[in-house]
Amino acid sequence: MLVPSDKLTKKSPSSDGFLERFQEIGHLAEAVAEEHCPNARVEPALILKNKNVTLSYGPYGSAFDGMLEHRSGRFHVYANLDRLKTPESGRARFTLAHELGHYFIDDHRRALQSGQVFRHPSKCDYESRNPAEQEADHFASHLLMPTTRFVRKAKRYVPGLDAILALKDTFGTSITSTAIRYTKLELAPCTLVKWDPDGLDWKWFSPSTYAAGYRRIIESQAKVPPDSATGMALAGKPPPPKGYFQAGTSAHAWFPGAWSGSSRDVLLIEQAIPLGEFGVLTLLYPEARRY
């Protein structure tokens, strides 16, 4: 089970209804992937075309990443190149997959068709706290990275950001969405932290990490050591050629409940990758690969 932070959703992650709905959305997305792209990388633009949903790219400032509109009985998707940069970028592909979520999730589509909602502007890649946006992000993740295909590829790599970056290239996805999918599927016991200029944006824990009681983490950038991997990324220092910073650390530096010198104060690998205007992503996992 993927355990989101309280900031990410107002719904309880332990709620049976919450889990059941997200499982259904995941199954729906993977069925769509299998129907339209069974033997190759999933192409959301192709699926839009197959469903007669038109698509246009343009500069729309910072208002949205993508927007699904219903007018005169037809659906159209607008993709914002000011935020997506290029149609081939991982963020652009995730955005199109997200808009497909609004199309394929019945109550989202019906709200547009009924006129209850005229258009649906979205900021994707796990930026929104809106429940409907979170559902569309969940759909996009499963559409672009179907479980069986993703796990099979992931097992080829040593755990960590090298694996996540390789999977990102394989599936044509963003770093953020790939890292969350990696965490959710317990491909390594890990904690994933997203920072924005104001501090902690969100945090995700792999199932074994959460079950082991590592559930609270530092939330202030002021508590991040400046010479740590995350500190250097937050300071805007140029990363090494591999694209991210890496250093050793210990659990007590990140988890308030893991006191220094206690049995819970395990050694960790800390990796941090700059996301440009979207902040910094930190991955923490045990040096011994387990808690």
C-alpha atoms as a PDB file:
ATOM      1  CA  MET A   1       0.000   0.000   0.000  1.00  0.00           C
ATOM      2  CA  LEU A   2       1.223   3.495  -0.827  1.00  0.00           C
ATOM      3  CA  VAL A   3       0.878   5.742   2.186  1.00  0.00           C
ATOM      4  CA  PRO A   4       0.475   9.418   1.267  1.00  0.00           C
ATOM      5  CA  SER A   5       1.120  12.255   3.673  1.00  0.00           C
ATOM      6  CA  ASP A   6      -1.754  14.103   5.307  1.00  0.00           C
ATOM      7  CA  LYS A   7      -0.932  17.121   3.136  1.00  0.00           C
ATOM      8  CA  LEU A   8      -1.438  15.209  -0.066  1.00  0.00           C
ATOM      9  CA  THR A   9      -5.036  14.158   0.533  1.00  0.00           C
ATOM     10  CA  LYS A  10      -7.778  14.889   3.009  1.00  0.00           C
ATOM     11  CA  LYS A  11      -9.084  11.347   2.654  1.00  0.00           C
ATOM     12  CA  SER A  12      -7.852   8.686   5.033  1.00  0.00           C
ATOM     13  CA  PRO A  13      -5.433   6.281   3.314  1.00  0.00           C
ATOM     14  CA  SER A  14      -6.720   3.533   5.617  1.00  0.00           C
ATOM     15  CA  SER A  15     -10.313   4.041   4.474  1.00  0.00           C
ATOM     16  CA  ASP A  16     -11.704   0.966   2.714  1.00  0.00           C
ATOM     17  CA  GLY A  17     -13.602   3.200   0.282  1.00  0.00           C
ATOM     18  CA  PHE A  18     -10.475   5.201  -0.519  1.00  0.00           C
ATOM     19  CA  LEU A  19      -8.407   2.095  -1.222  1.00  0.00           C
ATOM     20  CA  GLU A  20     -11.143   0.352  -3.179  1.00  0.00           C
ATOM     21  CA  ARG A  21     -11.700   3.348  -5.463  1.00  0.00           C
ATOM     22  CA  PHE A  22      -7.993   3.797  -6.136  1.00  0.00           C
ATOM     23  CA  GLN A  23      -7.620   0.078  -6.858  1.00  0.00           C
ATOM     24  CA  GLU A  24     -10.501   0.276  -9.333  1.00  0.00           C
ATOM     25  CA  ILE A  25      -8.939   3.294 -11.042  1.00  0.00           C
ATOM     26  CA  GLY A  26      -5.610   1.479 -11.269  1.00  0.00           C
ATOM     27  CA  HIS A  27      -7.257  -1.596 -12.809  1.00  0.00           C
ATOM     28  CA  LEU A  28      -9.148   0.606 -15.286  1.00  0.00           C
ATOM     29  CA  ALA A  29      -5.955   2.377 -16.380  1.00  0.00           C
ATOM     30  CA  GLU A  30      -4.061  -0.877 -16.898  1.00  0.00           C
ATOM     31  CA  ALA A  31      -6.957  -2.306 -18.912  1.00  0.00           C
ATOM     32  CA  VAL A  32      -6.835   0.786 -21.162  1.00  0.00           C
ATOM     33  CA  ALA A  33      -3.065   0.345 -21.578  1.00  0.00           C
ATOM     34  CA  GLU A  34      -3.503  -3.310 -22.490  1.00  0.00           C
ATOM     35  CA  GLU A  35      -6.257  -2.564 -24.999  1.00  0.00           C
ATOM     36  CA  HIS A  36      -4.493   0.250 -26.847  1.00  0.00           C
ATOM     37  CA  CYS A  37      -0.756  -0.437 -26.367  1.00  0.00           C
ATOM     38  CA  PRO A  38      -0.368  -4.094 -25.403  1.00  0.00           C
ATOM     39  CA  ASN A  39       3.159  -4.721 -26.652  1.00  0.00           C
ATOM     40  CA  ALA A  40       4.957  -1.400 -26.507  1.00  0.00           C
ATOM     41  CA  ARG A  41       5.426   1.822 -24.571  1.00  0.00           C
ATOM     42  CA  VAL A  42       2.047   3.318 -23.772  1.00  0.00           C
ATOM     43  CA  GLU A  43       1.336   6.336 -25.987  1.00  0.00           C
ATOM     44  CA  PRO A  44      -1.351   8.595 -24.490  1.00  0.00           C
ATOM     45  CA  ALA A  45      -1.586  10.709 -27.663  1.00  0.00           C
ATOM     46  CA  LEU A  46      -2.474   7.549 -29.610  1.00  0.00           C
ATOM     47  CA  ILE A  47      -5.181   6.656 -27.075  1.00  0.00           C
ATOM     48  CA  LEU A  48      -6.637  10.163 -27.351  1.00  0.00           C
ATOM     49  CA  LYS A  49      -6.735   9.741 -31.132  1.00  0.00           C
ATOM     50  CA  ASN A  50      -8.343   6.299 -30.835  1.00  0.00           C
ATOM     51  CA  LYS A  51     -11.089   7.809 -28.659  1.00  0.00           C
ATOM     52  CA  ASN A  52     -11.584  10.757 -31.054  1.00  0.00           C
ATOM     53  CA  VAL A  53     -10.352  13.240 -28.461  1.00  0.00           C
ATOM     54  CA  THR A  54      -8.550  16.075 -30.240  1.00  0.00           C
ATOM     55  CA  LEU A  55      -5.310  17.567 -28.907  1.00  0.00           C
ATOM     56  CA  SER A  56      -3.471  20.854 -29.266  1.00  0.00           C
ATOM     57  CA  TYR A  57      -0.253  22.217 -27.761  1.00  0.00           C
ATOM     58  CA  GLY A  58       0.271  25.884 -26.981  1.00  0.00           C
ATOM     59  CA  PRO A  59       1.745  28.461 -24.585  1.00  0.00           C
ATOM     60  CA  TYR A  60      -0.716  29.092 -21.735  1.00  0.00           C
ATOM     61  CA  GLY A  61       1.481  30.605 -19.028  1.00  0.00           C
ATOM     62  CA  SER A  62       1.292  28.992 -15.604  1.00  0.00           C
ATOM     63  CA  ALA A  63      -2.468  28.426 -15.516  1.00  0.00           C
ATOM     64  CA  PHE A  64      -2.431  24.647 -16.050  1.00  0.00           C
ATOM     65  CA  ASP A  65      -0.445  21.696 -17.372  1.00  0.00           C
ATOM     66  CA  GLY A  66      -3.328  20.214 -19.317  1.00  0.00           C
ATOM     67  CA  MET A  67      -7.037  20.836 -19.720  1.00  0.00           C
ATOM     68  CA  LEU A  68      -9.869  18.581 -20.890  1.00  0.00           C
ATOM     69  CA  GLU A  69     -12.805  20.446 -22.417  1.00  0.00           C
ATOM     70  CA  HIS A  70     -16.188  19.206 -23.603  1.00  0.00           C
ATOM     71  CA  ARG A  71     -17.993  21.315 -26.165  1.00  0.00           C
ATOM     72  CA  SER A  72     -20.653  20.510 -28.776  1.00  0.00           C
ATOM     73  CA  GLY A  73     -20.501  16.825 -27.953  1.00  0.00           C
ATOM     74  CA  ARG A  74     -16.730  16.516 -28.414  1.00  0.00           C
ATOM     75  CA  PHE A  75     -13.720  16.343 -26.099  1.00  0.00           C
ATOM     76  CA  HIS A  76     -10.521  18.312 -26.591  1.00  0.00           C
ATOM     77  CA  VAL A  77      -7.255  18.411 -24.625  1.00  0.00           C
ATOM     78  CA  TYR A  78      -5.072  21.515 -24.362  1.00  0.00           C
ATOM     79  CA  ALA A  79      -1.428  20.880 -23.392  1.00  0.00           C
ATOM     80  CA  ASN A  80       0.590  23.790 -22.003  1.00  0.00           C
ATOM     81  CA  LEU A  81       4.107  23.948 -23.428  1.00  0.00           C
ATOM     82  CA  ASP A  82       5.066  26.742 -21.025  1.00  0.00           C
ATOM     83  CA  ARG A  83       5.088  24.095 -18.275  1.00  0.00           C
ATOM     84  CA  LEU A  84       5.548  20.896 -20.275  1.00  0.00           C
ATOM     85  CA  LYS A  85       8.414  22.230 -22.457  1.00  0.00           C
ATOM     86  CA  THR A  86       8.102  19.678 -25.290  1.00  0.00           C
ATOM     87  CA  PRO A  87       5.398  17.226 -26.409  1.00  0.00           C
ATOM     88  CA  GLU A  88       7.859  14.353 -25.853  1.00  0.00           C
ATOM     89  CA  SER A  89       8.806  15.207 -22.258  1.00  0.00           C
ATOM     90  CA  GLY A  90       7.900  12.849 -19.446  1.00  0.00           C
ATOM     91  CA  ARG A  91       5.793  15.568 -17.841  1.00  0.00           C
ATOM     92  CA  ALA A  92       3.887  16.121 -21.112  1.00  0.00           C
ATOM     93  CA  ARG A  93       3.170  12.404 -21.482  1.00  0.00           C
ATOM     94  CA  PHE A  94       2.027  12.208 -17.861  1.00  0.00           C
ATOM     95  CA  THR A  95      -0.235  15.219 -18.423  1.00  0.00           C
ATOM     96  CA  LEU A  96      -1.924  13.590 -21.425  1.00  0.00           C
ATOM     97  CA  ALA A  97      -2.344  10.398 -19.392  1.00  0.00           C
ATOM     98  CA  HIS A  98      -3.824  12.476 -16.566  1.00  0.00           C
ATOM     99  CA  GLU A  99      -6.379  14.020 -18.946  1.00  0.00           C
ATOM    100  CA  LEU A 100      -7.210  10.521 -20.146  1.00  0.00           C
ATOM    101  CA  GLY A 101      -7.962   9.766 -16.507  1.00  0.00           C
ATOM    102  CA  HIS A 102     -10.597  12.506 -16.500  1.00  0.00           C
ATOM    103  CA  TYR A 103     -11.980  11.014 -19.713  1.00  0.00           C
ATOM    104  CA  PHE A 104     -12.061   7.349 -18.646  1.00  0.00           C
ATOM    105  CA  ILE A 105     -13.135   7.776 -15.001  1.00  0.00           C
ATOM    106  CA  ASP A 106     -16.906   7.758 -15.397  1.00  0.00           C
ATOM    107  CA  ASP A 107     -17.942  10.464 -12.938  1.00  0.00           C
ATOM    108  CA  HIS A 108     -15.209  12.823 -14.182  1.00  0.00           C
ATOM    109  CA  ARG A 109     -16.332  12.403 -17.809  1.00  0.00           C
ATOM    110  CA  ARG A 110     -20.040  12.675 -16.970  1.00  0.00           C
ATOM    111  CA  ALA A 111     -19.512  15.918 -15.064  1.00  0.00           C
ATOM    112  CA  LEU A 112     -18.097  17.413 -18.255  1.00  0.00           C
ATOM    113  CA  GLN A 113     -20.736  15.895 -20.519  1.00  0.00           C
ATOM    114  CA  SER A 114     -23.604  17.099 -18.323  1.00  0.00           C
ATOM    115  CA  GLY A 115     -22.326  20.660 -18.248  1.00  0.00           C
ATOM    116  CA  GLN A 116     -21.776  20.504 -14.496  1.00  0.00           C
ATOM    117  CA  VAL A 117     -18.130  21.253 -15.355  1.00  0.00           C
ATOM    118  CA  PHE A 118     -17.355  23.036 -18.632  1.00  0.00           C
ATOM    119  CA  ARG A 119     -13.624  22.405 -18.698  1.00  0.00           C
ATOM    120  CA  HIS A 120     -11.123  20.722 -16.396  1.00  0.00           C
ATOM    121  CA  PRO A 121      -7.771  22.567 -16.031  1.00  0.00           C
ATOM    122  CA  SER A 122      -5.177  20.409 -14.287  1.00  0.00           C
ATOM    123  CA  LYS A 123      -1.756  20.664 -12.704  1.00  0.00           C
ATOM    124  CA  CYS A 124      -0.382  17.153 -12.871  1.00  0.00           C
ATOM    125  CA  ASP A 125       2.464  15.025 -11.565  1.00  0.00           C
ATOM    126  CA  TYR A 126       1.172  15.026  -7.971  1.00  0.00           C
ATOM    127  CA  GLU A 127       1.075  18.806  -7.530  1.00  0.00           C
ATOM    128  CA  SER A 128      -2.631  19.085  -6.700  1.00  0.00           C
ATOM    129  CA  ARG A 129      -4.461  18.321  -3.423  1.00  0.00           C
ATOM    130  CA  ASN A 130      -7.812  18.153  -5.211  1.00  0.00           C
ATOM    131  CA  PRO A 131      -9.225  14.584  -4.898  1.00  0.00           C
ATOM    132  CA  ALA A 132     -10.283  14.472  -8.554  1.00  0.00           C
ATOM    133  CA  GLU A 133      -6.767  15.510  -9.612  1.00  0.00           C
ATOM    134  CA  GLN A 134      -5.223  12.866  -7.361  1.00  0.00           C
ATOM    135  CA  GLU A 135      -7.452  10.231  -8.971  1.00  0.00           C
ATOM    136  CA  ALA A 136      -6.374  11.347 -12.453  1.00  0.00           C
ATOM    137  CA  ASP A 137      -2.702  11.258 -11.380  1.00  0.00           C
ATOM    138  CA  HIS A 138      -3.239   7.720 -10.066  1.00  0.00           C
ATOM    139  CA  PHE A 139      -4.812   6.717 -13.386  1.00  0.00           C
ATOM    140  CA  ALA A 140      -1.896   8.262 -15.314  1.00  0.00           C
ATOM    141  CA  SER A 141       0.655   6.383 -13.227  1.00  0.00           C
ATOM    142  CA  HIS A 142      -0.964   3.004 -13.884  1.00  0.00           C
ATOM    143  CA  LEU A 143      -1.618   3.785 -17.548  1.00  0.00           C
ATOM    144  CA  LEU A 144       1.986   4.705 -18.350  1.00  0.00           C
ATOM    145  CA  MET A 145       3.616   2.205 -15.969  1.00  0.00           C
ATOM    146  CA  PRO A 146       1.473  -0.945 -15.851  1.00  0.00           C
ATOM    147  CA  THR A 147       2.355  -3.048 -12.826  1.00  0.00           C
ATOM    148  CA  THR A 148       3.616  -6.230 -14.493  1.00  0.00           C
ATOM    149  CA  ARG A 149       5.717  -4.404 -17.089  1.00  0.00           C
ATOM    150  CA  PHE A 150       7.150  -1.982 -14.510  1.00  0.00           C
ATOM    151  CA  VAL A 151       8.121  -4.631 -11.957  1.00  0.00           C
ATOM    152  CA  ARG A 152       9.704  -6.849 -14.605  1.00  0.00           C
ATOM    153  CA  LYS A 153      11.921  -3.989 -15.804  1.00  0.00           C
ATOM    154  CA  ALA A 154      12.701  -2.692 -12.307  1.00  0.00           C
ATOM    155  CA  LYS A 155      14.100  -6.032 -11.141  1.00  0.00           C
ATOM    156  CA  ARG A 156      16.960  -5.617 -13.604  1.00  0.00           C
ATOM    157  CA  TYR A 157      18.450  -2.705 -11.665  1.00  0.00           C
ATOM    158  CA  VAL A 158      20.180  -2.098  -8.343  1.00  0.00           C
ATOM    159  CA  PRO A 159      17.828  -0.109  -6.045  1.00  0.00           C
ATOM    160  CA  GLY A 160      18.023   3.672  -6.001  1.00  0.00           C
ATOM    161  CA  LEU A 161      17.860   6.653  -8.324  1.00  0.00           C
ATOM    162  CA  ASP A 162      19.850   4.882 -11.036  1.00  0.00           C
ATOM    163  CA  ALA A 163      16.984   2.396 -11.308  1.00  0.00           C
ATOM    164  CA  ILE A 164      14.356   5.150 -11.240  1.00  0.00           C
ATOM    165  CA  LEU A 165      16.135   7.133 -13.971  1.00  0.00           C
ATOM    166  CA  ALA A 166      16.468   4.019 -16.139  1.00  0.00           C
ATOM    167  CA  LEU A 167      12.770   3.231 -15.662  1.00  0.00           C
ATOM    168  CA  LYS A 168      11.885   6.852 -16.464  1.00  0.00           C
ATOM    169  CA  ASP A 169      13.633   6.492 -19.816  1.00  0.00           C
ATOM    170  CA  THR A 170      12.048   3.107 -20.504  1.00  0.00           C
ATOM    171  CA  PHE A 171       8.480   4.228 -19.813  1.00  0.00           C
ATOM    172  CA  GLY A 172       8.820   7.834 -20.972  1.00  0.00           C
ATOM    173  CA  THR A 173       7.642   9.216 -17.651  1.00  0.00           C
ATOM    174  CA  SER A 174       8.643  12.040 -15.325  1.00  0.00           C
ATOM    175  CA  ILE A 175      11.145  11.503 -12.515  1.00  0.00           C
ATOM    176  CA  THR A 176       8.484  12.239  -9.912  1.00  0.00           C
ATOM    177  CA  SER A 177       5.828   9.859 -11.219  1.00  0.00           C
ATOM    178  CA  THR A 178       8.401   7.100 -11.755  1.00  0.00           C
ATOM    179  CA  ALA A 179       9.806   7.509  -8.241  1.00  0.00           C
ATOM    180  CA  ILE A 180       6.343   7.356  -6.677  1.00  0.00           C
ATOM    181  CA  ARG A 181       5.438   4.237  -8.671  1.00  0.00           C
ATOM    182  CA  TYR A 182       8.752   2.682  -7.606  1.00  0.00           C
ATOM    183  CA  THR A 183       7.999   3.481  -3.962  1.00  0.00           C
ATOM    184  CA  LYS A 184       4.437   2.234  -4.142  1.00  0.00           C
ATOM    185  CA  LEU A 185       5.444  -1.130  -5.553  1.00  0.00           C
ATOM    186  CA  GLU A 186       8.041  -1.745  -2.788  1.00  0.00           C
ATOM    187  CA  LEU A 187      10.864  -2.211  -5.247  1.00  0.00           C
ATOM    188  CA  ALA A 188      13.090  -1.051  -2.407  1.00  0.00           C
ATOM    189  CA  PRO A 189      12.248  -0.112   1.193  1.00  0.00           C
ATOM    190  CA  CYS A 190      12.426   3.649   0.895  1.00  0.00           C
ATOM    191  CA  THR A 191      11.120   7.098   1.709  1.00  0.00           C
ATOM    192  CA  LEU A 192      10.497   9.675  -1.003  1.00  0.00           C
ATOM    193  CA  VAL A 193      10.418  13.384  -0.141  1.00  0.00           C
ATOM    194  CA  LYS A 194       9.475  16.272  -2.446  1.00  0.00           C
ATOM    195  CA  TRP A 195      10.696  19.764  -1.569  1.00  0.00           C
ATOM    196  CA  ASP A 196       9.494  23.048  -3.010  1.00  0.00           C
ATOM    197  CA  PRO A 197      10.879  26.534  -2.269  1.00  0.00           C
ATOM    198  CA  ASP A 198       8.681  26.813   0.838  1.00  0.00           C
ATOM    199  CA  GLY A 199       9.821  23.527   2.383  1.00  0.00           C
ATOM    200  CA  LEU A 200       8.330  20.041   2.444  1.00  0.00           C
ATOM    201  CA  ASP A 201       5.772  19.547  -0.320  1.00  0.00           C
ATOM    202  CA  TRP A 202       4.909  15.900   0.334  1.00  0.00           C
ATOM    203  CA  LYS A 203       6.336  12.570   1.466  1.00  0.00           C
ATOM    204  CA  TRP A 204       5.664   8.959   0.536  1.00  0.00           C
ATOM    205  CA  PHE A 205       6.709   5.778   2.333  1.00  0.00           C
ATOM    206  CA  SER A 206       7.104   2.303   0.903  1.00  0.00           C
ATOM    207  CA  PRO A 207       4.897  -0.253   2.676  1.00  0.00           C
ATOM    208  CA  SER A 208       7.728  -1.866   4.690  1.00  0.00           C
ATOM    209  CA  THR A 209       9.086   1.529   5.735  1.00  0.00           C
ATOM    210  CA  TYR A 210       5.681   2.605   7.010  1.00  0.00           C
ATOM    211  CA  ALA A 211       5.088  -0.745   8.714  1.00  0.00           C
ATOM    212  CA  ALA A 212       8.451  -0.470  10.476  1.00  0.00           C
ATOM    213  CA  GLY A 213       7.293   2.758  12.105  1.00  0.00           C
ATOM    214  CA  TYR A 214       9.312   5.261  10.062  1.00  0.00           C
ATOM    215  CA  ARG A 215       6.382   7.616   9.527  1.00  0.00           C
ATOM    216  CA  ARG A 216       7.532  11.049  10.699  1.00  0.00           C
ATOM    217  CA  ILE A 217      10.218  12.968   8.893  1.00  0.00           C
ATOM    218  CA  ILE A 218      11.832  16.386   9.175  1.00  0.00           C
ATOM    219  CA  GLU A 219       9.717  18.978   7.408  1.00  0.00           C
ATOM    220  CA  SER A 220      11.836  22.126   7.553  1.00  0.00           C
ATOM    221  CA  GLN A 221      14.611  22.884   5.089  1.00  0.00           C
ATOM    222  CA  ALA A 222      16.425  24.553   7.987  1.00  0.00           C
ATOM    223  CA  LYS A 223      16.929  21.090   9.505  1.00  0.00           C
ATOM    224  CA  VAL A 224      18.513  19.694   6.339  1.00  0.00           C
ATOM    225  CA  PRO A 225      22.330  19.794   6.733  1.00  0.00           C
ATOM    226  CA  PRO A 226      23.769  22.095   4.030  1.00  0.00           C
ATOM    227  CA  ASP A 227      26.511  19.578   3.173  1.00  0.00           C
ATOM    228  CA  SER A 228      24.057  16.698   2.748  1.00  0.00           C
ATOM    229  CA  ALA A 229      22.931  15.450  -0.658  1.00  0.00           C
ATOM    230  CA  THR A 230      19.569  17.190  -0.225  1.00  0.00           C
ATOM    231  CA  GLY A 231      21.187  20.349   1.152  1.00  0.00           C
ATOM    232  CA  MET A 232      23.405  20.686  -1.906  1.00  0.00           C
ATOM    233  CA  ALA A 233      20.466  20.115  -4.261  1.00  0.00           C
ATOM    234  CA  LEU A 234      18.337  22.681  -2.423  1.00  0.00           C
ATOM    235  CA  ALA A 235      21.196  25.180  -2.591  1.00  0.00           C
ATOM    236  CA  GLY A 236      21.218  24.909  -6.381  1.00  0.00           C
ATOM    237  CA  LYS A 237      24.706  23.461  -6.667  1.00  0.00           C
ATOM    238  CA  PRO A 238      25.485  21.714  -9.971  1.00  0.00           C
ATOM    239  CA  PRO A 239      24.954  17.962  -9.585  1.00  0.00           C
ATOM    240  CA  PRO A 240      27.579  15.372 -10.584  1.00  0.00           C
ATOM    241  CA  PRO A 241      27.470  13.979 -14.142  1.00  0.00           C
ATOM    242  CA  LYS A 242      24.997  11.271 -13.103  1.00  0.00           C
ATOM    243  CA  GLY A 243      22.471  14.047 -12.388  1.00  0.00           C
ATOM    244  CA  TYR A 244      21.964  13.650  -8.654  1.00  0.00           C
ATOM    245  CA  PHE A 245      23.761  14.016  -5.327  1.00  0.00           C
ATOM    246  CA  GLN A 246      24.459  11.019  -3.080  1.00  0.00           C
ATOM    247  CA  ALA A 247      25.770  10.653   0.456  1.00  0.00           C
ATOM    248  CA  GLY A 248      25.522   8.406   3.468  1.00  0.00           C
ATOM    249  CA  THR A 249      23.332   9.469   6.368  1.00  0.00           C
ATOM    250  CA  SER A 250      21.542   7.906   9.332  1.00  0.00           C
ATOM    251  CA  ALA A 251      17.908   7.521  10.280  1.00  0.00           C
ATOM    252  CA  HIS A 252      18.110   9.932  13.242  1.00  0.00           C
ATOM    253  CA  ALA A 253      19.021  12.778  10.861  1.00  0.00           C
ATOM    254  CA  TRP A 254      15.697  12.349   9.043  1.00  0.00           C
ATOM    255  CA  PHE A 255      13.258  10.541  11.326  1.00  0.00           C
ATOM    256  CA  PRO A 256      12.561  12.235  14.704  1.00  0.00           C
ATOM    257  CA  GLY A 257      11.615   8.908  16.314  1.00  0.00           C
ATOM    258  CA  ALA A 258      14.903   7.181  15.448  1.00  0.00           C
ATOM    259  CA  TRP A 259      17.155   8.378  18.265  1.00  0.00           C
ATOM    260  CA  SER A 260      20.887   8.529  17.681  1.00  0.00           C
ATOM    261  CA  GLY A 261      22.577   5.262  18.616  1.00  0.00           C
ATOM    262  CA  SER A 262      19.308   3.325  18.983  1.00  0.00           C
ATOM    263  CA  SER A 263      18.516   0.134  17.092  1.00  0.00           C
ATOM    264  CA  ARG A 264      16.290   2.221  14.803  1.00  0.00           C
ATOM    265  CA  ASP A 265      19.152   4.511  13.819  1.00  0.00           C
ATOM    266  CA  VAL A 266      20.048   2.547  10.686  1.00  0.00           C
ATOM    267  CA  LEU A 267      22.496   3.719   8.052  1.00  0.00           C
ATOM    268  CA  LEU A 268      20.819   5.184   4.965  1.00  0.00           C
ATOM    269  CA  ILE A 269      21.741   6.139   1.450  1.00  0.00           C
ATOM    270  CA  GLU A 270      20.495   9.655   0.679  1.00  0.00           C
ATOM    271  CA  GLN A 271      20.057  10.632  -2.961  1.00  0.00           C
ATOM    272  CA  ALA A 272      18.705  14.013  -4.105  1.00  0.00           C
ATOM    273  CA  ILE A 273      17.894  15.154  -7.625  1.00  0.00           C
ATOM    274  CA  PRO A 274      17.055  18.714  -8.684  1.00  0.00           C
ATOM    275  CA  LEU A 275      13.748  19.116 -10.549  1.00  0.00           C
ATOM    276  CA  GLY A 276      14.392  22.634 -11.833  1.00  0.00           C
ATOM    277  CA  GLU A 277      11.429  24.922 -11.202  1.00  0.00           C
ATOM    278  CA  PHE A 278       9.562  22.031  -9.559  1.00  0.00           C
ATOM    279  CA  GLY A 279      11.938  21.667  -6.581  1.00  0.00           C
ATOM    280  CA  VAL A 280      14.033  18.741  -5.331  1.00  0.00           C
ATOM    281  CA  LEU A 281      13.302  15.057  -4.871  1.00  0.00           C
ATOM    282  CA  THR A 282      15.007  13.084  -2.059  1.00  0.00           C
ATOM    283  CA  LEU A 283      15.184   9.286  -1.914  1.00  0.00           C
ATOM    284  CA  LEU A 284      16.239   7.558   1.312  1.00  0.00           C
ATOM    285  CA  TYR A 285      16.807   3.824   1.582  1.00  0.00           C
ATOM    286  CA  PRO A 286      18.725   1.535   3.991  1.00  0.00           C
ATOM    287  CA  GLU A 287      22.338   0.808   3.146  1.00  0.00           C
ATOM    288  CA  ALA A 288      21.596  -2.820   4.056  1.00  0.00           C
ATOM    289  CA  ARG A 289      18.504  -2.772   1.792  1.00  0.00           C
ATOM    290  CA  ARG A 290      16.148  -3.411   4.724  1.00  0.00           C
ATOM    291  CA  TYR A 291      14.931  -1.963   7.983  1.00  0.00           C
END
